[in-house]
Protein backbone atom coordinates (compact mmCIF):
# COMPACT_ATOMS: atom_id res chain seq x y z
CA MET A 1 -18.02 -68.15 12.45
CA ARG A 2 -15.38 -66.01 10.38
CA SER A 3 -14.73 -62.39 11.73
CA LYS A 4 -14.80 -59.70 8.94
CA SER A 5 -12.20 -57.15 9.28
CA VAL A 6 -13.56 -53.65 7.87
CA ALA A 7 -10.48 -51.17 6.74
CA ASN A 8 -11.61 -47.87 7.67
CA THR A 9 -10.04 -45.19 5.34
CA VAL A 10 -8.25 -42.37 7.42
CA THR A 11 -8.17 -39.04 5.58
CA ILE A 12 -4.63 -37.35 7.57
CA ILE A 13 -4.66 -33.27 7.23
CA SER A 14 -0.77 -32.70 6.79
CA ALA A 15 0.22 -29.29 9.34
CA GLU A 16 3.51 -29.36 7.62
CA ARG A 17 4.69 -25.90 7.25
CA HIS A 18 5.21 -26.88 2.60
CA GLU A 19 2.15 -28.54 2.66
CA ARG A 20 0.08 -25.36 4.00
CA LEU A 21 2.11 -22.77 1.80
CA ARG A 22 0.91 -24.96 -0.81
CA GLN A 23 -2.45 -24.98 0.03
CA PHE A 24 -2.53 -21.28 0.87
CA LEU A 25 -1.29 -21.00 -3.03
CA LYS A 26 -3.59 -23.27 -4.60
CA ASP A 27 -5.91 -21.25 -2.69
CA LEU A 28 -5.46 -18.02 -4.27
CA TRP A 29 -5.04 -19.44 -7.77
CA ASP A 30 -8.79 -21.13 -7.35
CA TYR A 31 -9.98 -17.74 -6.24
CA ARG A 32 -8.47 -15.28 -8.73
CA GLU A 33 -12.21 -14.49 -10.17
CA LEU A 34 -13.01 -13.44 -6.31
CA PHE A 35 -10.06 -10.94 -6.28
CA LEU A 36 -10.27 -9.37 -9.93
CA THR A 37 -14.02 -9.34 -8.19
CA PHE A 38 -12.88 -7.08 -5.13
CA VAL A 39 -10.66 -5.26 -7.62
CA GLN A 40 -13.76 -3.85 -9.55
CA ARG A 41 -15.62 -3.20 -6.20
CA ASP A 42 -13.76 -1.58 -4.69
CA VAL A 43 -13.35 0.75 -7.83
CA LYS A 44 -16.66 1.02 -8.42
CA VAL A 45 -17.71 1.89 -5.00
CA ARG A 46 -14.60 4.50 -4.91
CA TYR A 47 -16.41 6.30 -7.75
CA LYS A 48 -20.07 5.21 -6.70
CA GLN A 49 -22.49 8.45 -6.44
CA THR A 50 -20.15 10.91 -6.31
CA VAL A 51 -20.50 14.50 -8.16
CA LEU A 52 -16.69 14.69 -9.36
CA GLY A 53 -16.05 11.47 -9.83
CA VAL A 54 -12.64 11.05 -11.45
CA LEU A 55 -12.06 14.73 -11.66
CA TRP A 56 -11.54 14.22 -7.66
CA VAL A 57 -8.19 12.12 -7.65
CA ILE A 58 -6.98 15.23 -9.66
CA LEU A 59 -8.25 17.90 -8.30
CA GLN A 60 -7.29 16.64 -4.94
CA PRO A 61 -3.49 16.34 -5.26
CA LEU A 62 -3.26 19.29 -7.26
CA PHE A 63 -5.30 21.29 -4.08
CA MET A 64 -2.62 19.38 -1.88
CA MET A 65 0.14 20.73 -3.82
CA GLY A 66 -1.63 24.10 -3.84
CA ALA A 67 -1.76 24.47 -0.13
CA PHE A 68 1.43 22.94 0.69
CA SER A 69 3.37 25.00 -1.58
CA LEU A 70 1.99 28.10 0.05
CA ILE A 71 2.33 27.11 3.56
CA PHE A 72 5.49 24.92 3.53
CA GLY A 73 7.19 26.89 -0.08
CA LYS A 74 6.07 30.76 0.39
CA ILE A 75 5.71 31.06 4.43
CA ALA A 76 7.93 28.51 6.02
CA ARG A 77 10.16 28.66 3.28
CA MET A 78 10.97 24.94 3.11
CA PRO A 79 13.88 23.72 1.27
CA THR A 80 13.52 22.03 -2.28
CA ASP A 81 16.60 21.19 -3.28
CA GLY A 82 16.40 22.85 -6.13
CA LEU A 83 13.37 21.67 -7.08
CA PRO A 84 9.88 24.37 -7.87
CA TYR A 85 7.59 23.93 -4.96
CA ALA A 86 4.82 22.31 -7.18
CA VAL A 87 7.09 20.07 -8.64
CA PHE A 88 8.65 19.09 -5.53
CA TYR A 89 5.18 18.58 -3.59
CA ILE A 90 3.06 16.51 -6.50
CA ALA A 91 5.62 14.34 -6.60
CA ALA A 92 4.87 12.96 -2.84
CA ILE A 93 1.47 13.78 -2.94
CA VAL A 94 0.91 11.77 -5.99
CA PRO A 95 2.63 8.21 -4.34
CA TRP A 96 1.78 8.89 -0.91
CA ASN A 97 -2.25 9.58 -1.38
CA THR A 98 -2.29 5.91 -2.78
CA PHE A 99 -0.40 4.62 0.05
CA ALA A 100 -2.18 6.44 2.63
CA THR A 101 -5.71 5.71 0.93
CA ALA A 102 -4.88 1.79 0.34
CA LEU A 103 -3.18 1.34 3.96
CA SER A 104 -6.24 3.11 5.55
CA GLN A 105 -8.72 1.36 3.61
CA SER A 106 -7.13 -2.69 4.05
CA ALA A 107 -6.86 -2.26 7.63
CA LEU A 108 -10.30 -1.68 8.48
CA SER A 109 -11.11 -4.27 5.50
CA MET A 110 -12.47 -7.21 7.58
CA GLU A 111 -14.84 -5.41 9.53
CA THR A 112 -16.19 -3.77 6.75
CA ASN A 113 -16.62 -6.98 5.36
CA ALA A 114 -17.59 -9.16 7.97
CA HIS A 115 -20.82 -10.20 6.13
CA LEU A 116 -19.32 -12.06 3.88
CA ILE A 117 -16.43 -12.96 5.97
CA SER A 118 -18.93 -14.99 8.60
CA LYS A 119 -20.96 -16.84 5.97
CA VAL A 120 -18.58 -17.95 3.16
CA TYR A 121 -15.20 -19.74 2.70
CA PHE A 122 -12.32 -18.03 0.54
CA PRO A 123 -8.89 -17.08 1.19
CA ARG A 124 -9.16 -13.47 3.51
CA ILE A 125 -6.10 -12.13 2.37
CA VAL A 126 -7.92 -11.33 -1.12
CA VAL A 127 -10.22 -8.48 0.42
CA PRO A 128 -7.36 -5.97 1.88
CA GLY A 129 -5.34 -7.25 -1.27
CA GLY A 130 -8.56 -5.92 -3.52
CA ILE A 131 -8.02 -2.80 -2.04
CA VAL A 132 -4.51 -2.17 -2.83
CA CYS A 133 -4.57 -3.59 -6.35
CA GLY A 134 -7.54 -1.29 -7.01
CA SER A 135 -5.86 1.73 -5.49
CA PHE A 136 -3.51 1.46 -8.69
CA VAL A 137 -6.46 2.94 -10.79
CA ASP A 138 -6.22 6.47 -8.34
CA PHE A 139 -2.34 6.45 -8.81
CA ALA A 140 -2.66 5.96 -12.19
CA ILE A 141 -4.61 8.69 -12.76
CA GLY A 142 -2.30 11.01 -10.55
CA PHE A 143 0.80 9.51 -12.12
CA ALA A 144 -0.37 11.13 -14.69
CA LEU A 145 -1.30 14.19 -13.07
CA LEU A 146 2.50 14.48 -11.80
CA ASN A 147 3.81 13.57 -15.41
CA VAL A 148 1.75 16.99 -16.82
CA VAL A 149 3.29 18.84 -13.58
CA SER A 150 6.99 18.20 -14.36
CA ILE A 151 7.00 19.17 -18.44
CA VAL A 152 4.57 22.17 -17.50
CA PHE A 153 7.58 23.31 -14.99
CA GLY A 154 10.57 21.69 -17.42
CA TYR A 155 11.25 19.03 -14.91
CA TRP A 156 10.13 15.63 -17.04
CA SER A 157 12.45 12.94 -17.28
CA PRO A 158 11.80 9.19 -19.31
CA TYR A 159 13.41 7.25 -15.82
CA LEU A 160 10.09 8.80 -14.21
CA VAL A 161 8.12 6.49 -16.58
CA ALA A 162 10.87 3.72 -16.79
CA LEU A 163 11.36 3.72 -12.52
CA ALA A 164 7.20 3.99 -11.84
CA PRO A 165 6.57 0.03 -11.53
CA LEU A 166 9.14 -0.69 -9.49
CA LEU A 167 8.74 2.02 -6.75
CA LEU A 168 4.90 1.44 -7.24
CA LEU A 169 5.58 -2.58 -6.40
CA ILE A 170 7.48 -0.98 -3.56
CA GLN A 171 4.83 1.07 -2.39
CA ALA A 172 2.10 -2.11 -2.78
CA LEU A 173 4.41 -4.27 -0.93
CA THR A 174 4.63 -2.21 2.16
CA ALA A 175 1.08 -1.18 1.60
CA LEU A 176 -0.55 -4.49 2.14
CA GLY A 177 1.89 -5.93 4.27
CA VAL A 178 1.36 -3.36 7.27
CA GLY A 179 -2.43 -3.34 6.03
CA LEU A 180 -2.41 -7.16 6.52
CA ALA A 181 -1.59 -7.18 10.11
CA LEU A 182 -3.46 -3.84 10.93
CA ALA A 183 -6.84 -5.69 9.49
CA ILE A 184 -6.18 -8.88 11.39
CA LEU A 185 -5.57 -6.83 14.72
CA ASN A 186 -8.36 -4.83 13.95
CA ALA A 187 -11.00 -7.73 13.46
CA GLN A 188 -9.79 -8.77 17.25
CA TYR A 189 -9.50 -5.43 18.38
CA ARG A 190 -11.93 -2.97 17.21
CA ASP A 191 -10.45 0.27 18.98
CA VAL A 192 -7.39 -0.42 16.83
CA LYS A 193 -9.80 1.55 13.90
CA HIS A 194 -9.30 4.48 15.80
CA ALA A 195 -5.17 4.41 15.72
CA VAL A 196 -5.19 4.23 12.31
CA GLY A 197 -5.99 7.40 11.13
CA PHE A 198 -3.14 8.35 13.60
CA MET A 199 -0.74 5.79 12.54
CA VAL A 200 -0.94 7.35 8.86
CA GLN A 201 -0.41 10.87 10.39
CA LEU A 202 2.53 9.32 11.98
CA PHE A 203 3.43 7.33 9.23
CA MET A 204 3.67 10.35 6.96
CA LEU A 205 5.86 12.85 9.16
CA ALA A 206 8.08 9.92 8.92
CA THR A 207 8.14 10.06 5.28
CA PRO A 208 10.05 13.40 3.36
CA VAL A 209 6.13 14.34 2.32
CA ILE A 210 6.88 18.22 3.42
CA TYR A 211 10.53 17.93 3.90
CA PRO A 212 13.21 16.59 1.35
CA LEU A 213 15.26 13.74 3.31
CA SER A 214 18.80 15.97 2.82
CA ARG A 215 17.35 18.01 5.73
CA LEU A 216 17.28 14.53 8.15
CA PRO A 217 20.39 13.43 10.15
CA GLN A 218 23.26 10.98 8.25
CA TRP A 219 22.14 8.05 9.65
CA ALA A 220 18.57 9.01 9.13
CA GLN A 221 19.33 9.01 5.53
CA ASP A 222 21.50 5.88 5.58
CA TRP A 223 18.74 3.86 7.32
CA ALA A 224 15.62 5.28 5.08
CA PHE A 225 15.04 1.80 3.71
CA LEU A 226 13.45 1.08 6.72
CA ASN A 227 10.71 3.16 5.55
CA PRO A 228 10.10 2.45 1.99
CA MET A 229 8.01 5.35 1.27
CA ALA A 230 10.34 7.74 2.19
CA VAL A 231 12.57 5.83 -0.85
CA VAL A 232 9.79 5.81 -3.28
CA VAL A 233 9.33 9.93 -2.47
CA THR A 234 12.85 10.81 -2.37
CA THR A 235 13.85 8.89 -5.97
CA TYR A 236 10.23 10.34 -7.52
CA ARG A 237 12.39 13.81 -6.76
CA ASP A 238 15.26 12.68 -7.30
CA VAL A 239 14.78 11.64 -11.12
CA LEU A 240 13.21 14.86 -11.61
CA LYS A 241 16.35 16.23 -10.41
CA GLY A 242 18.28 14.41 -12.79
CA ASP A 243 20.35 13.61 -9.44
CA PRO A 244 22.06 10.19 -9.89
CA LEU A 245 19.91 7.58 -7.78
CA HIS A 246 20.65 6.00 -4.65
CA TRP A 247 20.15 2.13 -5.95
CA SER A 248 21.42 1.06 -2.60
CA LEU A 249 18.33 2.51 -0.84
CA ILE A 250 16.08 1.19 -3.78
CA THR A 251 17.37 -2.38 -3.28
CA PHE A 252 17.08 -2.52 0.23
CA SER A 253 13.40 -0.70 0.63
CA LEU A 254 12.30 -3.24 -1.45
CA VAL A 255 13.83 -6.17 0.42
CA THR A 256 12.01 -4.26 3.69
CA ALA A 257 8.61 -4.32 1.92
CA ILE A 258 9.32 -7.55 0.64
CA ALA A 259 10.20 -8.72 4.63
CA TYR A 260 6.85 -6.50 5.53
CA LEU A 261 4.87 -8.19 3.21
CA THR A 262 6.29 -11.72 4.48
CA PHE A 263 5.08 -10.74 8.12
CA GLY A 264 1.91 -9.45 7.28
CA VAL A 265 1.07 -12.71 5.63
CA CYS A 266 2.49 -14.79 8.30
CA PHE A 267 0.72 -12.83 10.83
CA PHE A 268 -2.64 -12.82 9.01
CA ARG A 269 -2.47 -16.23 8.17
CA LYS A 270 -2.03 -17.50 11.88
CA ARG A 271 -5.15 -15.40 13.23
CA GLU A 272 -7.46 -16.15 10.08
CA ALA A 273 -9.03 -19.11 11.29
CA ARG A 274 -10.41 -17.30 13.86
CA LEU A 275 -11.78 -14.21 12.64
CA ALA A 276 -15.45 -15.44 11.79
CA ASP A 277 -15.58 -15.96 15.42
CA VAL A 278 -14.43 -12.78 16.49
CA LEU A 279 -16.19 -10.08 13.65
């Protein structure tokens, strides 16, 4: 009696780094429509059931510009390196508000979308990514206001529009990189969300929103690229003043922002598999 051998088919899942990276990129491409859905949802939720709607995106920076000009300008006499108080502060408020909102919301995104994450599979990174990209709408409205204010005061420059995509890229990469790390930490340790607001406030104090970069010691100015938002804010002001741009700081801040994003993605991916269990 002849014995028959049965060949078993074995599926091997490679754990090599380049295979994981290829699968990750493939998942992002396959779920691109879901990503766009998250972006649209974030924009709609932001303006849903609001009385002022888009008008609030204009009024908020205007109110902050007026308050900062009065408190830190007229009362505290904070130097502005030659810019009018209104122009000096609106140049910082517009990018900072967008960055702070994107960072805060992306940091809490895993918890707020726990009902989806625990039920179906999709690349979790599309959730905070959609929030950051959705913040571009707010930035576009605020940037239009920045252009109007600079025109009114006679400080507008075409370089303001030309440099905006690069500065927005640095801003978005930084927000997403830091937001990813905070999002995964908040999913595992829920008390992180109580520290997010405090961290954003500290981040603002470390960014020359209220004061000019020139007020910092020289060593702090040389290492300002470690906080890419400091370079973003300062570059907007330099453009409006007509000063030479610090291209070395801009380049280094872009590299730093990419480094933050790389760390955030790696940190997020390493702990992503346990999300459904901890949420």
